[in-house]
């Protein structure tokens, strides 16, 4: 009997992009699959025996794949060029012009409606490439707070923007599991971007997403680790937000976040040093920092 094959789904997106996602067959486990098989289903399994052992350990508890299904949100707008911002907070890795992968683990915090109703508040931690030195930005993360996302938990999304096309975020799924750790990575190569989310606590991964036609949105001069208060929303009150296991690749070189040149971006009420801080960033290791909520915006 032939083994069941995966199912590939294709969607047309705004800005001329195309999304594909491959849903592996029932019973697929990346931690036991041959590297070539894992890669065929969108997982970045290495060939090196040592690297493969560490990679499989990361997916040790993987049990199921949830299909990623796109749903468009409101039109996007996201960029910053200063060390103070009215909507970004976190760290920007600089020093290279060819960043092509960014990755980290993020916990899903709990939220309070003390800053306003769910429809008026939002918090969106993400990783990305670009946006600091230009209007080009490709990003992925999760969000919680507004009426079209999870009130407690996380709605997973990705987005691609440039000065000509302020495309909306694309939501691909959601979870209500506050406190869980989401592993994610994003890769860029010749106009194709791979997006990957994995709930390490639950052992559930969303089917990896590949989006083609994004060369006009790519800026490899920065890798970004950001918590965002999107334009038009108040900052949600959140419990401690941790970015860990954070790093990036430039060319073929991988480095931990704080072994790269970095710029801290501070979120203030007016986007300037004279404003009141809305949260704080605290480094805790070469791969981690955490954010503490300070006040409503």
C-alpha atoms as a PDB file:
ATOM      1  CA  UNK A   1       0.000   0.000   0.000  1.00  0.00           C
ATOM      2  CA  UNK A   2       1.341   3.431  -0.940  1.00  0.00           C
ATOM      3  CA  UNK A   3       1.915   5.926   1.865  1.00  0.00           C
ATOM      4  CA  UNK A   4      -0.515   8.834   1.945  1.00  0.00           C
ATOM      5  CA  UNK A   5       0.781  12.030   0.347  1.00  0.00           C
ATOM      6  CA  UNK A   6       0.568  15.539   1.698  1.00  0.00           C
ATOM      7  CA  UNK A   7      -1.921  18.061   0.379  1.00  0.00           C
ATOM      8  CA  UNK A   8      -0.683  21.296  -1.191  1.00  0.00           C
ATOM      9  CA  UNK A   9      -2.992  24.335  -1.105  1.00  0.00           C
ATOM     10  CA  UNK A  10      -2.451  27.537  -3.111  1.00  0.00           C
ATOM     11  CA  UNK A  11      -3.963  30.992  -2.559  1.00  0.00           C
ATOM     12  CA  UNK A  12      -3.718  34.323  -4.370  1.00  0.00           C
ATOM     13  CA  UNK A  13      -2.813  37.268  -2.102  1.00  0.00           C
ATOM     14  CA  UNK A  14      -2.775  41.070  -2.435  1.00  0.00           C
ATOM     15  CA  UNK A  15       0.232  42.743  -4.064  1.00  0.00           C
ATOM     16  CA  UNK A  16       0.747  39.974  -6.625  1.00  0.00           C
ATOM     17  CA  UNK A  17       1.929  37.346  -4.117  1.00  0.00           C
ATOM     18  CA  UNK A  18       0.991  33.672  -3.987  1.00  0.00           C
ATOM     19  CA  UNK A  19       0.769  31.571  -0.810  1.00  0.00           C
ATOM     20  CA  UNK A  20       1.229  27.823  -0.729  1.00  0.00           C
ATOM     21  CA  UNK A  21       1.047  25.524   2.264  1.00  0.00           C
ATOM     22  CA  UNK A  22       1.615  21.779   2.380  1.00  0.00           C
ATOM     23  CA  UNK A  23      -0.410  19.814   4.912  1.00  0.00           C
ATOM     24  CA  UNK A  24       1.519  16.611   5.715  1.00  0.00           C
ATOM     25  CA  UNK A  25      -0.305  13.266   5.794  1.00  0.00           C
ATOM     26  CA  UNK A  26      -1.840  12.052   9.035  1.00  0.00           C
ATOM     27  CA  UNK A  27       0.815  10.621  11.322  1.00  0.00           C
ATOM     28  CA  UNK A  28       3.679  12.768   9.995  1.00  0.00           C
ATOM     29  CA  UNK A  29       6.208  13.706  12.686  1.00  0.00           C
ATOM     30  CA  UNK A  30       9.163  15.947  11.784  1.00  0.00           C
ATOM     31  CA  UNK A  31      11.255  14.553  14.639  1.00  0.00           C
ATOM     32  CA  UNK A  32      11.233  11.045  13.114  1.00  0.00           C
ATOM     33  CA  UNK A  33      11.024  11.844   9.399  1.00  0.00           C
ATOM     34  CA  UNK A  34      14.037  11.628   7.112  1.00  0.00           C
ATOM     35  CA  UNK A  35      15.511  15.127   6.570  1.00  0.00           C
ATOM     36  CA  UNK A  36      14.487  15.167   2.903  1.00  0.00           C
ATOM     37  CA  UNK A  37      10.919  14.206   3.814  1.00  0.00           C
ATOM     38  CA  UNK A  38      10.730  16.870   6.516  1.00  0.00           C
ATOM     39  CA  UNK A  39      11.976  19.504   4.041  1.00  0.00           C
ATOM     40  CA  UNK A  40       9.403  18.382   1.479  1.00  0.00           C
ATOM     41  CA  UNK A  41       6.733  19.346   4.001  1.00  0.00           C
ATOM     42  CA  UNK A  42       8.269  22.752   4.718  1.00  0.00           C
ATOM     43  CA  UNK A  43      10.450  21.975   7.752  1.00  0.00           C
ATOM     44  CA  UNK A  44      14.078  23.170   7.742  1.00  0.00           C
ATOM     45  CA  UNK A  45      15.671  19.865   8.751  1.00  0.00           C
ATOM     46  CA  UNK A  46      19.482  19.928   8.359  1.00  0.00           C
ATOM     47  CA  UNK A  47      21.566  17.110   6.892  1.00  0.00           C
ATOM     48  CA  UNK A  48      24.409  17.330   9.417  1.00  0.00           C
ATOM     49  CA  UNK A  49      24.060  14.529  11.979  1.00  0.00           C
ATOM     50  CA  UNK A  50      24.906  16.802  14.918  1.00  0.00           C
ATOM     51  CA  UNK A  51      22.645  19.622  13.756  1.00  0.00           C
ATOM     52  CA  UNK A  52      19.867  17.146  12.968  1.00  0.00           C
ATOM     53  CA  UNK A  53      19.956  15.717  16.511  1.00  0.00           C
ATOM     54  CA  UNK A  54      19.530  19.202  17.988  1.00  0.00           C
ATOM     55  CA  UNK A  55      16.781  19.988  15.482  1.00  0.00           C
ATOM     56  CA  UNK A  56      14.875  16.816  16.283  1.00  0.00           C
ATOM     57  CA  UNK A  57      15.165  17.543  20.003  1.00  0.00           C
ATOM     58  CA  UNK A  58      13.390  20.857  19.398  1.00  0.00           C
ATOM     59  CA  UNK A  59      10.467  18.965  17.828  1.00  0.00           C
ATOM     60  CA  UNK A  60      10.525  16.085  20.297  1.00  0.00           C
ATOM     61  CA  UNK A  61       6.966  16.730  21.479  1.00  0.00           C
ATOM     62  CA  UNK A  62       5.465  17.399  18.037  1.00  0.00           C
ATOM     63  CA  UNK A  63       2.133  15.581  17.653  1.00  0.00           C
ATOM     64  CA  UNK A  64      -0.031  17.252  15.002  1.00  0.00           C
ATOM     65  CA  UNK A  65      -0.097  19.701  12.106  1.00  0.00           C
ATOM     66  CA  UNK A  66      -2.882  22.279  11.853  1.00  0.00           C
ATOM     67  CA  UNK A  67      -3.645  23.490   8.300  1.00  0.00           C
ATOM     68  CA  UNK A  68      -2.775  27.157   7.722  1.00  0.00           C
ATOM     69  CA  UNK A  69      -5.718  28.970   6.099  1.00  0.00           C
ATOM     70  CA  UNK A  70      -5.325  32.646   5.064  1.00  0.00           C
ATOM     71  CA  UNK A  71      -7.722  35.343   6.262  1.00  0.00           C
ATOM     72  CA  UNK A  72      -6.976  39.001   5.479  1.00  0.00           C
ATOM     73  CA  UNK A  73      -6.972  41.624   8.212  1.00  0.00           C
ATOM     74  CA  UNK A  74      -7.153  45.438   7.949  1.00  0.00           C
ATOM     75  CA  UNK A  75      -4.571  47.190   5.752  1.00  0.00           C
ATOM     76  CA  UNK A  76      -1.086  47.334   7.210  1.00  0.00           C
ATOM     77  CA  UNK A  77       1.306  50.126   8.036  1.00  0.00           C
ATOM     78  CA  UNK A  78       4.538  49.408   9.848  1.00  0.00           C
ATOM     79  CA  UNK A  79       7.954  51.043   9.783  1.00  0.00           C
ATOM     80  CA  UNK A  80      10.385  52.803  12.099  1.00  0.00           C
ATOM     81  CA  UNK A  81      13.649  54.654  11.523  1.00  0.00           C
ATOM     82  CA  UNK A  82      14.534  55.864  15.005  1.00  0.00           C
ATOM     83  CA  UNK A  83      15.547  54.426  18.369  1.00  0.00           C
ATOM     84  CA  UNK A  84      12.268  55.729  19.788  1.00  0.00           C
ATOM     85  CA  UNK A  85       8.911  54.771  18.309  1.00  0.00           C
ATOM     86  CA  UNK A  86       5.208  55.251  18.914  1.00  0.00           C
ATOM     87  CA  UNK A  87       4.440  51.688  17.814  1.00  0.00           C
ATOM     88  CA  UNK A  88       7.603  49.485  17.920  1.00  0.00           C
ATOM     89  CA  UNK A  89       9.504  48.128  20.921  1.00  0.00           C
ATOM     90  CA  UNK A  90      12.380  45.648  20.964  1.00  0.00           C
ATOM     91  CA  UNK A  91      15.680  45.130  19.144  1.00  0.00           C
ATOM     92  CA  UNK A  92      16.916  45.489  15.570  1.00  0.00           C
ATOM     93  CA  UNK A  93      19.949  43.449  14.449  1.00  0.00           C
ATOM     94  CA  UNK A  94      22.120  45.478  12.066  1.00  0.00           C
ATOM     95  CA  UNK A  95      25.638  45.310  10.611  1.00  0.00           C
ATOM     96  CA  UNK A  96      24.904  43.203   7.520  1.00  0.00           C
ATOM     97  CA  UNK A  97      23.092  43.664   4.225  1.00  0.00           C
ATOM     98  CA  UNK A  98      22.113  40.041   3.576  1.00  0.00           C
ATOM     99  CA  UNK A  99      19.985  38.837   6.484  1.00  0.00           C
ATOM    100  CA  UNK A 100      17.908  35.955   5.116  1.00  0.00           C
ATOM    101  CA  UNK A 101      16.552  34.161   8.194  1.00  0.00           C
ATOM    102  CA  UNK A 102      15.230  35.278  11.565  1.00  0.00           C
ATOM    103  CA  UNK A 103      13.954  33.052  14.381  1.00  0.00           C
ATOM    104  CA  UNK A 104      12.967  32.991  18.047  1.00  0.00           C
ATOM    105  CA  UNK A 105      10.651  31.533  20.693  1.00  0.00           C
ATOM    106  CA  UNK A 106       7.902  33.726  22.168  1.00  0.00           C
ATOM    107  CA  UNK A 107       5.549  33.065  25.054  1.00  0.00           C
ATOM    108  CA  UNK A 108       1.867  33.969  24.657  1.00  0.00           C
ATOM    109  CA  UNK A 109       1.188  36.421  27.483  1.00  0.00           C
ATOM    110  CA  UNK A 110      -2.078  36.990  29.275  1.00  0.00           C
ATOM    111  CA  UNK A 111      -3.934  40.224  28.583  1.00  0.00           C
ATOM    112  CA  UNK A 112      -6.107  42.698  30.419  1.00  0.00           C
ATOM    113  CA  UNK A 113      -8.766  45.000  28.994  1.00  0.00           C
ATOM    114  CA  UNK A 114      -7.735  47.790  31.395  1.00  0.00           C
ATOM    115  CA  UNK A 115      -6.559  49.938  28.460  1.00  0.00           C
ATOM    116  CA  UNK A 116      -9.938  49.735  26.714  1.00  0.00           C
ATOM    117  CA  UNK A 117     -12.292  47.289  25.065  1.00  0.00           C
ATOM    118  CA  UNK A 118     -11.018  44.309  23.068  1.00  0.00           C
ATOM    119  CA  UNK A 119     -12.013  46.135  19.877  1.00  0.00           C
ATOM    120  CA  UNK A 120      -9.735  49.101  20.630  1.00  0.00           C
ATOM    121  CA  UNK A 121      -6.618  47.425  22.054  1.00  0.00           C
ATOM    122  CA  UNK A 122      -3.980  45.247  20.410  1.00  0.00           C
ATOM    123  CA  UNK A 123      -0.543  43.795  21.074  1.00  0.00           C
ATOM    124  CA  UNK A 124       1.449  42.110  18.309  1.00  0.00           C
ATOM    125  CA  UNK A 125       4.904  40.588  18.939  1.00  0.00           C
ATOM    126  CA  UNK A 126       6.741  39.557  15.765  1.00  0.00           C
ATOM    127  CA  UNK A 127      10.016  38.822  13.981  1.00  0.00           C
ATOM    128  CA  UNK A 128      10.917  40.201  10.572  1.00  0.00           C
ATOM    129  CA  UNK A 129      13.347  41.447   7.964  1.00  0.00           C
ATOM    130  CA  UNK A 130      13.601  45.141   7.065  1.00  0.00           C
ATOM    131  CA  UNK A 131      11.437  48.112   8.002  1.00  0.00           C
ATOM    132  CA  UNK A 132      14.154  50.067   9.813  1.00  0.00           C
ATOM    133  CA  UNK A 133      16.206  51.435   6.915  1.00  0.00           C
ATOM    134  CA  UNK A 134      13.411  51.448   4.321  1.00  0.00           C
ATOM    135  CA  UNK A 135       9.678  50.990   3.895  1.00  0.00           C
ATOM    136  CA  UNK A 136      10.226  47.361   2.847  1.00  0.00           C
ATOM    137  CA  UNK A 137       9.272  44.851   5.523  1.00  0.00           C
ATOM    138  CA  UNK A 138       8.406  41.139   5.746  1.00  0.00           C
ATOM    139  CA  UNK A 139       7.242  39.950   9.171  1.00  0.00           C
ATOM    140  CA  UNK A 140       5.434  37.196  11.048  1.00  0.00           C
ATOM    141  CA  UNK A 141       4.091  36.854  14.564  1.00  0.00           C
ATOM    142  CA  UNK A 142       0.914  36.691  16.570  1.00  0.00           C
ATOM    143  CA  UNK A 143      -1.564  39.230  17.902  1.00  0.00           C
ATOM    144  CA  UNK A 144      -4.240  39.502  20.532  1.00  0.00           C
ATOM    145  CA  UNK A 145      -6.746  42.087  21.566  1.00  0.00           C
ATOM    146  CA  UNK A 146      -8.955  43.383  18.780  1.00  0.00           C
ATOM    147  CA  UNK A 147     -12.361  42.037  17.934  1.00  0.00           C
ATOM    148  CA  UNK A 148     -11.128  40.052  14.904  1.00  0.00           C
ATOM    149  CA  UNK A 149      -8.341  38.253  16.796  1.00  0.00           C
ATOM    150  CA  UNK A 150      -8.183  36.022  19.859  1.00  0.00           C
ATOM    151  CA  UNK A 151      -9.077  37.915  23.062  1.00  0.00           C
ATOM    152  CA  UNK A 152      -6.913  35.627  25.183  1.00  0.00           C
ATOM    153  CA  UNK A 153      -4.330  33.677  23.247  1.00  0.00           C
ATOM    154  CA  UNK A 154      -2.869  34.407  19.832  1.00  0.00           C
ATOM    155  CA  UNK A 155      -3.903  34.842  16.217  1.00  0.00           C
ATOM    156  CA  UNK A 156      -0.987  33.914  13.945  1.00  0.00           C
ATOM    157  CA  UNK A 157      -0.222  36.194  11.004  1.00  0.00           C
ATOM    158  CA  UNK A 158       2.344  37.337   8.456  1.00  0.00           C
ATOM    159  CA  UNK A 159       2.617  40.557   6.481  1.00  0.00           C
ATOM    160  CA  UNK A 160       4.632  42.089   3.644  1.00  0.00           C
ATOM    161  CA  UNK A 161       4.818  45.827   2.995  1.00  0.00           C
ATOM    162  CA  UNK A 162       6.593  48.431   0.890  1.00  0.00           C
ATOM    163  CA  UNK A 163       5.987  52.097   0.141  1.00  0.00           C
ATOM    164  CA  UNK A 164       3.755  51.271  -2.840  1.00  0.00           C
ATOM    165  CA  UNK A 165       1.765  48.413  -1.288  1.00  0.00           C
ATOM    166  CA  UNK A 166       0.563  48.604   2.313  1.00  0.00           C
ATOM    167  CA  UNK A 167      -0.868  45.088   2.193  1.00  0.00           C
ATOM    168  CA  UNK A 168      -3.053  43.751   4.997  1.00  0.00           C
ATOM    169  CA  UNK A 169      -1.805  41.102   7.436  1.00  0.00           C
ATOM    170  CA  UNK A 170      -2.692  37.520   6.542  1.00  0.00           C
ATOM    171  CA  UNK A 171      -4.002  35.500   9.499  1.00  0.00           C
ATOM    172  CA  UNK A 172      -3.494  31.738   9.192  1.00  0.00           C
ATOM    173  CA  UNK A 173      -4.867  30.355  12.481  1.00  0.00           C
ATOM    174  CA  UNK A 174      -5.282  30.978  16.187  1.00  0.00           C
ATOM    175  CA  UNK A 175      -4.906  29.424  19.619  1.00  0.00           C
ATOM    176  CA  UNK A 176      -6.289  30.268  23.057  1.00  0.00           C
ATOM    177  CA  UNK A 177      -3.316  28.716  24.885  1.00  0.00           C
ATOM    178  CA  UNK A 178      -1.940  31.578  26.992  1.00  0.00           C
ATOM    179  CA  UNK A 179       1.472  30.846  28.479  1.00  0.00           C
ATOM    180  CA  UNK A 180       2.441  28.501  25.658  1.00  0.00           C
ATOM    181  CA  UNK A 181       5.724  29.018  23.795  1.00  0.00           C
ATOM    182  CA  UNK A 182       5.551  29.553  20.052  1.00  0.00           C
ATOM    183  CA  UNK A 183       8.703  28.711  18.056  1.00  0.00           C
ATOM    184  CA  UNK A 184       8.848  30.527  14.751  1.00  0.00           C
ATOM    185  CA  UNK A 185      11.262  31.166  11.946  1.00  0.00           C
ATOM    186  CA  UNK A 186      11.137  33.034   8.669  1.00  0.00           C
ATOM    187  CA  UNK A 187      13.438  32.488   5.676  1.00  0.00           C
ATOM    188  CA  UNK A 188      13.990  34.487   2.488  1.00  0.00           C
ATOM    189  CA  UNK A 189      15.453  33.259  -0.810  1.00  0.00           C
ATOM    190  CA  UNK A 190      15.043  34.756  -4.293  1.00  0.00           C
ATOM    191  CA  UNK A 191      11.616  36.269  -3.694  1.00  0.00           C
ATOM    192  CA  UNK A 192      10.240  33.299  -1.740  1.00  0.00           C
ATOM    193  CA  UNK A 193       9.558  33.527   1.988  1.00  0.00           C
ATOM    194  CA  UNK A 194       8.908  30.587   4.294  1.00  0.00           C
ATOM    195  CA  UNK A 195       6.873  31.150   7.486  1.00  0.00           C
ATOM    196  CA  UNK A 196       6.729  28.602  10.283  1.00  0.00           C
ATOM    197  CA  UNK A 197       4.914  28.486  13.644  1.00  0.00           C
ATOM    198  CA  UNK A 198       5.118  25.686  16.214  1.00  0.00           C
ATOM    199  CA  UNK A 199       3.477  25.580  19.664  1.00  0.00           C
ATOM    200  CA  UNK A 200       6.195  23.747  21.557  1.00  0.00           C
ATOM    201  CA  UNK A 201       4.087  23.467  24.701  1.00  0.00           C
ATOM    202  CA  UNK A 202       1.146  21.775  22.969  1.00  0.00           C
ATOM    203  CA  UNK A 203       3.177  19.887  20.357  1.00  0.00           C
ATOM    204  CA  UNK A 204       1.051  21.418  17.585  1.00  0.00           C
ATOM    205  CA  UNK A 205       2.467  23.044  14.456  1.00  0.00           C
ATOM    206  CA  UNK A 206       0.689  24.959  11.713  1.00  0.00           C
ATOM    207  CA  UNK A 207       1.432  23.778   8.199  1.00  0.00           C
ATOM    208  CA  UNK A 208       4.460  25.753   6.950  1.00  0.00           C
ATOM    209  CA  UNK A 209       3.604  28.588   4.571  1.00  0.00           C
ATOM    210  CA  UNK A 210       5.575  29.662   1.477  1.00  0.00           C
ATOM    211  CA  UNK A 211       4.795  32.979  -0.218  1.00  0.00           C
ATOM    212  CA  UNK A 212       6.223  33.755  -3.662  1.00  0.00           C
ATOM    213  CA  UNK A 213       6.652  37.122  -5.389  1.00  0.00           C
ATOM    214  CA  UNK A 214       8.081  39.067  -2.431  1.00  0.00           C
ATOM    215  CA  UNK A 215      11.405  40.342  -3.829  1.00  0.00           C
ATOM    216  CA  UNK A 216       9.972  43.887  -3.886  1.00  0.00           C
ATOM    217  CA  UNK A 217       9.304  43.680  -0.142  1.00  0.00           C
ATOM    218  CA  UNK A 218      12.692  42.373   0.976  1.00  0.00           C
ATOM    219  CA  UNK A 219      15.250  44.492   2.832  1.00  0.00           C
ATOM    220  CA  UNK A 220      18.088  42.383   4.230  1.00  0.00           C
ATOM    221  CA  UNK A 221      19.812  45.148   6.198  1.00  0.00           C
ATOM    222  CA  UNK A 222      18.056  44.293   9.474  1.00  0.00           C
ATOM    223  CA  UNK A 223      16.550  41.385  11.392  1.00  0.00           C
ATOM    224  CA  UNK A 224      13.809  42.485  13.779  1.00  0.00           C
ATOM    225  CA  UNK A 225      12.457  41.307  17.167  1.00  0.00           C
ATOM    226  CA  UNK A 226       9.555  43.581  17.975  1.00  0.00           C
ATOM    227  CA  UNK A 227       6.433  43.995  20.053  1.00  0.00           C
ATOM    228  CA  UNK A 228       4.093  46.352  18.229  1.00  0.00           C
ATOM    229  CA  UNK A 229       1.165  48.564  19.074  1.00  0.00           C
ATOM    230  CA  UNK A 230      -0.361  48.763  15.586  1.00  0.00           C
ATOM    231  CA  UNK A 231      -1.519  52.160  14.341  1.00  0.00           C
ATOM    232  CA  UNK A 232      -5.035  53.036  15.420  1.00  0.00           C
ATOM    233  CA  UNK A 233      -4.995  50.806  18.538  1.00  0.00           C
ATOM    234  CA  UNK A 234      -4.146  51.290  22.179  1.00  0.00           C
ATOM    235  CA  UNK A 235      -1.435  49.115  23.679  1.00  0.00           C
ATOM    236  CA  UNK A 236      -2.912  46.141  25.513  1.00  0.00           C
ATOM    237  CA  UNK A 237      -1.829  45.489  29.066  1.00  0.00           C
ATOM    238  CA  UNK A 238       0.162  42.235  28.906  1.00  0.00           C
ATOM    239  CA  UNK A 239       2.036  39.973  31.301  1.00  0.00           C
ATOM    240  CA  UNK A 240       5.774  39.588  30.724  1.00  0.00           C
ATOM    241  CA  UNK A 241       6.570  39.033  27.030  1.00  0.00           C
ATOM    242  CA  UNK A 242       9.736  36.996  26.427  1.00  0.00           C
ATOM    243  CA  UNK A 243      11.727  36.698  23.192  1.00  0.00           C
ATOM    244  CA  UNK A 244      14.145  33.760  23.615  1.00  0.00           C
ATOM    245  CA  UNK A 245      16.250  31.443  21.412  1.00  0.00           C
ATOM    246  CA  UNK A 246      16.558  34.509  19.171  1.00  0.00           C
ATOM    247  CA  UNK A 247      19.020  34.745  16.314  1.00  0.00           C
ATOM    248  CA  UNK A 248      19.451  35.374  12.618  1.00  0.00           C
ATOM    249  CA  UNK A 249      21.348  34.224   9.558  1.00  0.00           C
ATOM    250  CA  UNK A 250      23.194  36.476   7.146  1.00  0.00           C
ATOM    251  CA  UNK A 251      24.503  34.677   4.075  1.00  0.00           C
ATOM    252  CA  UNK A 252      25.264  31.230   5.499  1.00  0.00           C
ATOM    253  CA  UNK A 253      26.308  32.435   8.985  1.00  0.00           C
ATOM    254  CA  UNK A 254      24.035  31.966  12.012  1.00  0.00           C
ATOM    255  CA  UNK A 255      24.474  34.143  15.101  1.00  0.00           C
ATOM    256  CA  UNK A 256      22.628  34.719  18.352  1.00  0.00           C
ATOM    257  CA  UNK A 257      20.783  38.036  18.532  1.00  0.00           C
ATOM    258  CA  UNK A 258      23.094  39.825  20.946  1.00  0.00           C
ATOM    259  CA  UNK A 259      26.237  38.563  19.232  1.00  0.00           C
ATOM    260  CA  UNK A 260      25.152  40.832  16.375  1.00  0.00           C
ATOM    261  CA  UNK A 261      25.174  44.611  16.334  1.00  0.00           C
ATOM    262  CA  UNK A 262      21.811  45.712  17.710  1.00  0.00           C
ATOM    263  CA  UNK A 263      19.765  48.870  18.149  1.00  0.00           C
ATOM    264  CA  UNK A 264      17.158  49.025  20.901  1.00  0.00           C
ATOM    265  CA  UNK A 265      13.825  50.551  19.906  1.00  0.00           C
ATOM    266  CA  UNK A 266      11.898  52.072  22.803  1.00  0.00           C
ATOM    267  CA  UNK A 267       8.139  52.493  22.748  1.00  0.00           C
ATOM    268  CA  UNK A 268       7.002  55.881  24.092  1.00  0.00           C
ATOM    269  CA  UNK A 269       3.776  57.847  24.056  1.00  0.00           C
ATOM    270  CA  UNK A 270       5.024  60.315  21.430  1.00  0.00           C
ATOM    271  CA  UNK A 271       7.654  58.228  19.629  1.00  0.00           C
ATOM    272  CA  UNK A 272      10.481  60.372  21.030  1.00  0.00           C
ATOM    273  CA  UNK A 273      12.833  60.395  24.020  1.00  0.00           C
ATOM    274  CA  UNK A 274      10.639  63.068  25.629  1.00  0.00           C
ATOM    275  CA  UNK A 275       7.674  60.683  25.740  1.00  0.00           C
ATOM    276  CA  UNK A 276       6.623  58.381  28.555  1.00  0.00           C
ATOM    277  CA  UNK A 277       7.739  54.745  28.237  1.00  0.00           C
ATOM    278  CA  UNK A 278       4.937  52.285  27.489  1.00  0.00           C
ATOM    279  CA  UNK A 279       7.098  49.221  28.140  1.00  0.00           C
ATOM    280  CA  UNK A 280      10.721  48.326  28.866  1.00  0.00           C
ATOM    281  CA  UNK A 281      13.190  45.889  27.255  1.00  0.00           C
ATOM    282  CA  UNK A 282      15.557  43.850  29.465  1.00  0.00           C
ATOM    283  CA  UNK A 283      18.276  41.569  28.074  1.00  0.00           C
ATOM    284  CA  UNK A 284      18.582  38.265  29.907  1.00  0.00           C
ATOM    285  CA  UNK A 285      21.084  36.278  27.773  1.00  0.00           C
ATOM    286  CA  UNK A 286      22.787  36.343  24.377  1.00  0.00           C
ATOM    287  CA  UNK A 287      19.575  34.976  22.835  1.00  0.00           C
ATOM    288  CA  UNK A 288      16.841  36.456  25.009  1.00  0.00           C
ATOM    289  CA  UNK A 289      15.159  39.581  26.306  1.00  0.00           C
ATOM    290  CA  UNK A 290      11.848  40.284  27.966  1.00  0.00           C
ATOM    291  CA  UNK A 291       9.403  43.164  27.930  1.00  0.00           C
ATOM    292  CA  UNK A 292       7.470  44.599  30.859  1.00  0.00           C
ATOM    293  CA  UNK A 293       4.250  46.559  30.398  1.00  0.00           C
ATOM    294  CA  UNK A 294       4.340  50.040  31.967  1.00  0.00           C
ATOM    295  CA  UNK A 295       1.149  51.907  31.145  1.00  0.00           C
ATOM    296  CA  UNK A 296      -1.725  52.376  28.700  1.00  0.00           C
ATOM    297  CA  UNK A 297      -0.999  54.429  25.582  1.00  0.00           C
END
